Every structure is written in structure tokens, then in C-alpha cells.
Amino acid sequence: MSMSDPMKFASQASEMSDREIFDSIHAVDSGNNDRDFNTAIFDEAQLRGMLSASEVGAIMASDRSAH
């Protein structure tokens, strides 16, 4: 089984504070987080109204072009 567990990451993200979500979004460029974890963070940020879908798309595109 894969080390990445999207459901576990979604659960973790839902329990994070807004500040933790914000910090995790800014840590995406470091490349230290699993892609599924980043997706869970972005999904949670959207649910909370912290990011729009277009902002998430721009961040993900930037992350892909940096690697």
C-alpha cells in the first residue's frame, strides 16, 4: 500500500487551524510535503474560503513548473 493516504491527509487538514493551513500553503514551494497532503490543504483552504479555485490552480501550476 502507498505511504500516501488522501483520506488521512484530508482528516488532518480539517483539524488544522487557519494559521496552520496558511503556513502549509506557504510551505508548498519547499517541496517537503506529499502531493496528496498539499491537495488536502488546498481543498480545506477552499472550503474555509481562504483561497479561490483560481488561486489554487495558480499555486499548483507554479509548483509543477518549479520541479
PDB file of N, CA and C in Angstrom:
ATOM      1  N   MET A   1       0.833  -1.179   0.000  1.00  0.00           N
ATOM      2  CA  MET A   1       0.000   0.000   0.000  1.00  0.00           C
ATOM      3  C   MET A   1       0.881   1.247   0.000  1.00  0.00           C
ATOM      4  N   SER A   2       0.420   2.257  -0.648  1.00  0.00           N
ATOM      5  CA  SER A   2       1.158   3.515  -0.758  1.00  0.00           C
ATOM      6  C   SER A   2       1.288   4.196   0.606  1.00  0.00           C
ATOM      7  N   MET A   3       2.380   4.925   0.780  1.00  0.00           N
ATOM      8  CA  MET A   3       2.578   5.690   2.011  1.00  0.00           C
ATOM      9  C   MET A   3       1.638   6.886   2.069  1.00  0.00           C
ATOM     10  N   SER A   4       1.163   7.309   0.919  1.00  0.00           N
ATOM     11  CA  SER A   4       0.273   8.453   0.824  1.00  0.00           C
ATOM     12  C   SER A   4      -1.167   7.995   1.042  1.00  0.00           C
ATOM     13  N   ASP A   5      -1.869   8.672   1.936  1.00  0.00           N
ATOM     14  CA  ASP A   5      -3.255   8.331   2.233  1.00  0.00           C
ATOM     15  C   ASP A   5      -4.101   9.595   2.168  1.00  0.00           C
ATOM     16  N   PRO A   6      -4.740   9.845   1.008  1.00  0.00           N
ATOM     17  CA  PRO A   6      -5.503  11.088   0.841  1.00  0.00           C
ATOM     18  C   PRO A   6      -6.563  11.314   1.911  1.00  0.00           C
ATOM     19  N   MET A   7      -7.235  10.263   2.360  1.00  0.00           N
ATOM     20  CA  MET A   7      -8.273  10.422   3.390  1.00  0.00           C
ATOM     21  C   MET A   7      -7.661  10.838   4.729  1.00  0.00           C
ATOM     22  N   LYS A   8      -6.508  10.280   5.043  1.00  0.00           N
ATOM     23  CA  LYS A   8      -5.824  10.652   6.289  1.00  0.00           C
ATOM     24  C   LYS A   8      -5.403  12.120   6.227  1.00  0.00           C
ATOM     25  N   PHE A   9      -4.883  12.537   5.079  1.00  0.00           N
ATOM     26  CA  PHE A   9      -4.459  13.925   4.928  1.00  0.00           C
ATOM     27  C   PHE A   9      -5.652  14.878   5.012  1.00  0.00           C
ATOM     28  N   ALA A  10      -6.770  14.484   4.417  1.00  0.00           N
ATOM     29  CA  ALA A  10      -7.974  15.323   4.482  1.00  0.00           C
ATOM     30  C   ALA A  10      -8.440  15.473   5.917  1.00  0.00           C
ATOM     31  N   SER A  11      -8.388  14.406   6.662  1.00  0.00           N
ATOM     32  CA  SER A  11      -8.777  14.451   8.073  1.00  0.00           C
ATOM     33  C   SER A  11      -7.836  15.357   8.872  1.00  0.00           C
ATOM     34  N   GLN A  12      -6.549  15.223   8.623  1.00  0.00           N
ATOM     35  CA  GLN A  12      -5.563  16.067   9.316  1.00  0.00           C
ATOM     36  C   GLN A  12      -5.790  17.539   8.985  1.00  0.00           C
ATOM     37  N   ALA A  13      -6.023  17.831   7.708  1.00  0.00           N
ATOM     38  CA  ALA A  13      -6.218  19.222   7.289  1.00  0.00           C
ATOM     39  C   ALA A  13      -7.459  19.823   7.927  1.00  0.00           C
ATOM     40  N   SER A  14      -8.503  19.030   8.077  1.00  0.00           N
ATOM     41  CA  SER A  14      -9.746  19.542   8.661  1.00  0.00           C
ATOM     42  C   SER A  14      -9.570  19.906  10.134  1.00  0.00           C
ATOM     43  N   GLU A  15      -8.589  19.316  10.774  1.00  0.00           N
ATOM     44  CA  GLU A  15      -8.339  19.585  12.191  1.00  0.00           C
ATOM     45  C   GLU A  15      -7.331  20.717  12.412  1.00  0.00           C
ATOM     46  N   MET A  16      -6.747  21.227  11.336  1.00  0.00           N
ATOM     47  CA  MET A  16      -5.740  22.280  11.450  1.00  0.00           C
ATOM     48  C   MET A  16      -6.399  23.648  11.643  1.00  0.00           C
ATOM     49  N   SER A  17      -5.691  24.521  12.326  1.00  0.00           N
ATOM     50  CA  SER A  17      -6.167  25.897  12.474  1.00  0.00           C
ATOM     51  C   SER A  17      -5.964  26.641  11.154  1.00  0.00           C
ATOM     52  N   ASP A  18      -6.634  27.775  11.024  1.00  0.00           N
ATOM     53  CA  ASP A  18      -6.437  28.595   9.823  1.00  0.00           C
ATOM     54  C   ASP A  18      -4.968  28.967   9.663  1.00  0.00           C
ATOM     55  N   ARG A  19      -4.308  29.266  10.747  1.00  0.00           N
ATOM     56  CA  ARG A  19      -2.879  29.640  10.693  1.00  0.00           C
ATOM     57  C   ARG A  19      -2.032  28.478  10.177  1.00  0.00           C
ATOM     58  N   GLU A  20      -2.324  27.272  10.643  1.00  0.00           N
ATOM     59  CA  GLU A  20      -1.582  26.096  10.175  1.00  0.00           C
ATOM     60  C   GLU A  20      -1.820  25.856   8.684  1.00  0.00           C
ATOM     61  N   ILE A  21      -3.059  26.054   8.246  1.00  0.00           N
ATOM     62  CA  ILE A  21      -3.377  25.919   6.817  1.00  0.00           C
ATOM     63  C   ILE A  21      -2.577  26.956   6.025  1.00  0.00           C
ATOM     64  N   PHE A  22      -2.617  28.199   6.485  1.00  0.00           N
ATOM     65  CA  PHE A  22      -1.897  29.289   5.832  1.00  0.00           C
ATOM     66  C   PHE A  22      -0.401  28.973   5.742  1.00  0.00           C
ATOM     67  N   ASP A  23       0.191  28.525   6.845  1.00  0.00           N
ATOM     68  CA  ASP A  23       1.616  28.185   6.853  1.00  0.00           C
ATOM     69  C   ASP A  23       1.925  27.027   5.906  1.00  0.00           C
ATOM     70  N   SER A  24       1.032  26.051   5.842  1.00  0.00           N
ATOM     71  CA  SER A  24       1.240  24.905   4.961  1.00  0.00           C
ATOM     72  C   SER A  24       1.167  25.310   3.493  1.00  0.00           C
ATOM     73  N   ILE A  25       0.282  26.250   3.187  1.00  0.00           N
ATOM     74  CA  ILE A  25       0.189  26.747   1.811  1.00  0.00           C
ATOM     75  C   ILE A  25       1.507  27.399   1.410  1.00  0.00           C
ATOM     76  N   HIS A  26       2.076  28.160   2.314  1.00  0.00           N
ATOM     77  CA  HIS A  26       3.340  28.839   2.013  1.00  0.00           C
ATOM     78  C   HIS A  26       4.517  27.876   1.976  1.00  0.00           C
ATOM     79  N   ALA A  27       4.360  26.695   2.555  1.00  0.00           N
ATOM     80  CA  ALA A  27       5.439  25.699   2.558  1.00  0.00           C
ATOM     81  C   ALA A  27       5.426  24.826   1.304  1.00  0.00           C
ATOM     82  N   VAL A  28       4.419  24.981   0.454  1.00  0.00           N
ATOM     83  CA  VAL A  28       4.320  24.146  -0.754  1.00  0.00           C
ATOM     84  C   VAL A  28       5.578  24.264  -1.607  1.00  0.00           C
ATOM     85  N   ASP A  29       6.119  25.454  -1.732  1.00  0.00           N
ATOM     86  CA  ASP A  29       7.306  25.654  -2.563  1.00  0.00           C
ATOM     87  C   ASP A  29       8.530  24.907  -2.066  1.00  0.00           C
ATOM     88  N   SER A  30       8.552  24.540  -0.793  1.00  0.00           N
ATOM     89  CA  SER A  30       9.716  23.846  -0.252  1.00  0.00           C
ATOM     90  C   SER A  30       9.828  22.423  -0.780  1.00  0.00           C
ATOM     91  N   GLY A  31       8.708  21.864  -1.253  1.00  0.00           N
ATOM     92  CA  GLY A  31       8.730  20.512  -1.796  1.00  0.00           C
ATOM     93  C   GLY A  31       8.818  19.426  -0.747  1.00  0.00           C
ATOM     94  N   ASN A  32       8.655  19.783   0.515  1.00  0.00           N
ATOM     95  CA  ASN A  32       8.763  18.796   1.587  1.00  0.00           C
ATOM     96  C   ASN A  32       7.489  18.000   1.815  1.00  0.00           C
ATOM     97  N   ASN A  33       6.371  18.478   1.328  1.00  0.00           N
ATOM     98  CA  ASN A  33       5.099  17.822   1.576  1.00  0.00           C
ATOM     99  C   ASN A  33       4.706  16.902   0.433  1.00  0.00           C
ATOM    100  N   ASP A  34       3.990  15.863   0.779  1.00  0.00           N
ATOM    101  CA  ASP A  34       3.423  14.935  -0.181  1.00  0.00           C
ATOM    102  C   ASP A  34       2.379  15.663  -1.029  1.00  0.00           C
ATOM    103  N   ARG A  35       2.279  15.314  -2.295  1.00  0.00           N
ATOM    104  CA  ARG A  35       1.310  15.959  -3.198  1.00  0.00           C
ATOM    105  C   ARG A  35      -0.120  15.803  -2.677  1.00  0.00           C
ATOM    106  N   ASP A  36      -0.460  14.617  -2.144  1.00  0.00           N
ATOM    107  CA  ASP A  36      -1.803  14.405  -1.595  1.00  0.00           C
ATOM    108  C   ASP A  36      -2.048  15.282  -0.369  1.00  0.00           C
ATOM    109  N   PHE A  37      -1.008  15.500   0.421  1.00  0.00           N
ATOM    110  CA  PHE A  37      -1.139  16.396   1.573  1.00  0.00           C
ATOM    111  C   PHE A  37      -1.409  17.818   1.088  1.00  0.00           C
ATOM    112  N   ASN A  38      -0.656  18.252   0.088  1.00  0.00           N
ATOM    113  CA  ASN A  38      -0.881  19.600  -0.464  1.00  0.00           C
ATOM    114  C   ASN A  38      -2.297  19.745  -0.996  1.00  0.00           C
ATOM    115  N   THR A  39      -2.782  18.719  -1.689  1.00  0.00           N
ATOM    116  CA  THR A  39      -4.144  18.754  -2.217  1.00  0.00           C
ATOM    117  C   THR A  39      -5.152  18.882  -1.084  1.00  0.00           C
ATOM    118  N   ALA A  40      -4.949  18.149  -0.008  1.00  0.00           N
ATOM    119  CA  ALA A  40      -5.855  18.230   1.147  1.00  0.00           C
ATOM    120  C   ALA A  40      -5.837  19.635   1.753  1.00  0.00           C
ATOM    121  N   ILE A  41      -4.642  20.231   1.823  1.00  0.00           N
ATOM    122  CA  ILE A  41      -4.517  21.596   2.365  1.00  0.00           C
ATOM    123  C   ILE A  41      -5.271  22.583   1.476  1.00  0.00           C
ATOM    124  N   PHE A  42      -5.084  22.480   0.162  1.00  0.00           N
ATOM    125  CA  PHE A  42      -5.766  23.388  -0.759  1.00  0.00           C
ATOM    126  C   PHE A  42      -7.278  23.192  -0.710  1.00  0.00           C
ATOM    127  N   ASP A  43      -7.729  21.938  -0.636  1.00  0.00           N
ATOM    128  CA  ASP A  43      -9.169  21.667  -0.548  1.00  0.00           C
ATOM    129  C   ASP A  43      -9.758  22.291   0.721  1.00  0.00           C
ATOM    130  N   GLU A  44      -9.059  22.120   1.821  1.00  0.00           N
ATOM    131  CA  GLU A  44      -9.542  22.675   3.094  1.00  0.00           C
ATOM    132  C   GLU A  44      -9.543  24.201   3.052  1.00  0.00           C
ATOM    133  N   ALA A  45      -8.520  24.783   2.464  1.00  0.00           N
ATOM    134  CA  ALA A  45      -8.458  26.246   2.347  1.00  0.00           C
ATOM    135  C   ALA A  45      -9.625  26.764   1.510  1.00  0.00           C
ATOM    136  N   GLN A  46      -9.967  26.051   0.455  1.00  0.00           N
ATOM    137  CA  GLN A  46     -11.114  26.447  -0.365  1.00  0.00           C
ATOM    138  C   GLN A  46     -12.422  26.331   0.422  1.00  0.00           C
ATOM    139  N   LEU A  47     -12.580  25.239   1.152  1.00  0.00           N
ATOM    140  CA  LEU A  47     -13.792  25.058   1.954  1.00  0.00           C
ATOM    141  C   LEU A  47     -13.966  26.177   2.978  1.00  0.00           C
ATOM    142  N   ARG A  48     -12.861  26.650   3.515  1.00  0.00           N
ATOM    143  CA  ARG A  48     -12.911  27.716   4.520  1.00  0.00           C
ATOM    144  C   ARG A  48     -12.972  29.107   3.899  1.00  0.00           C
ATOM    145  N   GLY A  49     -12.904  29.171   2.584  1.00  0.00           N
ATOM    146  CA  GLY A  49     -12.957  30.461   1.904  1.00  0.00           C
ATOM    147  C   GLY A  49     -11.652  31.232   1.964  1.00  0.00           C
ATOM    148  N   MET A  50     -10.555  30.527   2.239  1.00  0.00           N
ATOM    149  CA  MET A  50      -9.245  31.161   2.325  1.00  0.00           C
ATOM    150  C   MET A  50      -8.618  31.342   0.944  1.00  0.00           C
ATOM    151  N   LEU A  51      -8.985  30.483   0.001  1.00  0.00           N
ATOM    152  CA  LEU A  51      -8.462  30.518  -1.373  1.00  0.00           C
ATOM    153  C   LEU A  51      -9.593  30.239  -2.345  1.00  0.00           C
ATOM    154  N   SER A  52      -9.510  30.857  -3.506  1.00  0.00           N
ATOM    155  CA  SER A  52     -10.456  30.543  -4.575  1.00  0.00           C
ATOM    156  C   SER A  52      -9.871  29.419  -5.428  1.00  0.00           C
ATOM    157  N   ALA A  53     -10.710  28.837  -6.257  1.00  0.00           N
ATOM    158  CA  ALA A  53     -10.255  27.763  -7.147  1.00  0.00           C
ATOM    159  C   ALA A  53      -9.164  28.265  -8.095  1.00  0.00           C
ATOM    160  N   SER A  54      -9.290  29.511  -8.565  1.00  0.00           N
ATOM    161  CA  SER A  54      -8.272  30.041  -9.477  1.00  0.00           C
ATOM    162  C   SER A  54      -6.941  30.258  -8.753  1.00  0.00           C
ATOM    163  N   GLU A  55      -6.996  30.645  -7.490  1.00  0.00           N
ATOM    164  CA  GLU A  55      -5.754  30.804  -6.722  1.00  0.00           C
ATOM    165  C   GLU A  55      -5.075  29.456  -6.507  1.00  0.00           C
ATOM    166  N   VAL A  56      -5.850  28.435  -6.201  1.00  0.00           N
ATOM    167  CA  VAL A  56      -5.297  27.092  -6.035  1.00  0.00           C
ATOM    168  C   VAL A  56      -4.670  26.626  -7.343  1.00  0.00           C
ATOM    169  N   GLY A  57      -5.363  26.852  -8.454  1.00  0.00           N
ATOM    170  CA  GLY A  57      -4.826  26.461  -9.758  1.00  0.00           C
ATOM    171  C   GLY A  57      -3.506  27.143 -10.055  1.00  0.00           C
ATOM    172  N   ALA A  58      -3.403  28.416  -9.725  1.00  0.00           N
ATOM    173  CA  ALA A  58      -2.162  29.163  -9.961  1.00  0.00           C
ATOM    174  C   ALA A  58      -1.025  28.631  -9.099  1.00  0.00           C
ATOM    175  N   ILE A  59      -1.316  28.319  -7.856  1.00  0.00           N
ATOM    176  CA  ILE A  59      -0.282  27.794  -6.950  1.00  0.00           C
ATOM    177  C   ILE A  59       0.191  26.425  -7.441  1.00  0.00           C
ATOM    178  N   MET A  60      -0.760  25.565  -7.809  1.00  0.00           N
ATOM    179  CA  MET A  60      -0.397  24.230  -8.285  1.00  0.00           C
ATOM    180  C   MET A  60       0.407  24.310  -9.585  1.00  0.00           C
ATOM    181  N   ALA A  61       0.034  25.200 -10.478  1.00  0.00           N
ATOM    182  CA  ALA A  61       0.767  25.362 -11.740  1.00  0.00           C
ATOM    183  C   ALA A  61       2.181  25.853 -11.460  1.00  0.00           C
ATOM    184  N   SER A  62       2.311  26.769 -10.530  1.00  0.00           N
ATOM    185  CA  SER A  62       3.629  27.290 -10.156  1.00  0.00           C
ATOM    186  C   SER A  62       4.490  26.196  -9.558  1.00  0.00           C
ATOM    187  N   ASP A  63       3.882  25.360  -8.727  1.00  0.00           N
ATOM    188  CA  ASP A  63       4.595  24.264  -8.084  1.00  0.00           C
ATOM    189  C   ASP A  63       5.067  23.255  -9.128  1.00  0.00           C
ATOM    190  N   ARG A  64       4.223  22.944 -10.116  1.00  0.00           N
ATOM    191  CA  ARG A  64       4.601  21.974 -11.169  1.00  0.00           C
ATOM    192  C   ARG A  64       5.732  22.527 -12.043  1.00  0.00           C
ATOM    193  N   SER A  65       5.695  23.812 -12.329  1.00  0.00           N
ATOM    194  CA  SER A  65       6.718  24.392 -13.205  1.00  0.00           C
ATOM    195  C   SER A  65       8.058  24.529 -12.484  1.00  0.00           C
ATOM    196  N   ALA A  66       8.042  24.556 -11.176  1.00  0.00           N
ATOM    197  CA  ALA A  66       9.281  24.693 -10.407  1.00  0.00           C
ATOM    198  C   ALA A  66      10.040  23.366 -10.308  1.00  0.00           C
ATOM    199  N   HIS A  67       9.376  22.257 -10.651  1.00  0.00           N
ATOM    200  CA  HIS A  67      10.019  20.937 -10.488  1.00  0.00           C
ATOM    201  C   HIS A  67      10.350  20.323 -11.787  1.00  0.00           C
TER     202      HIS A  67
END
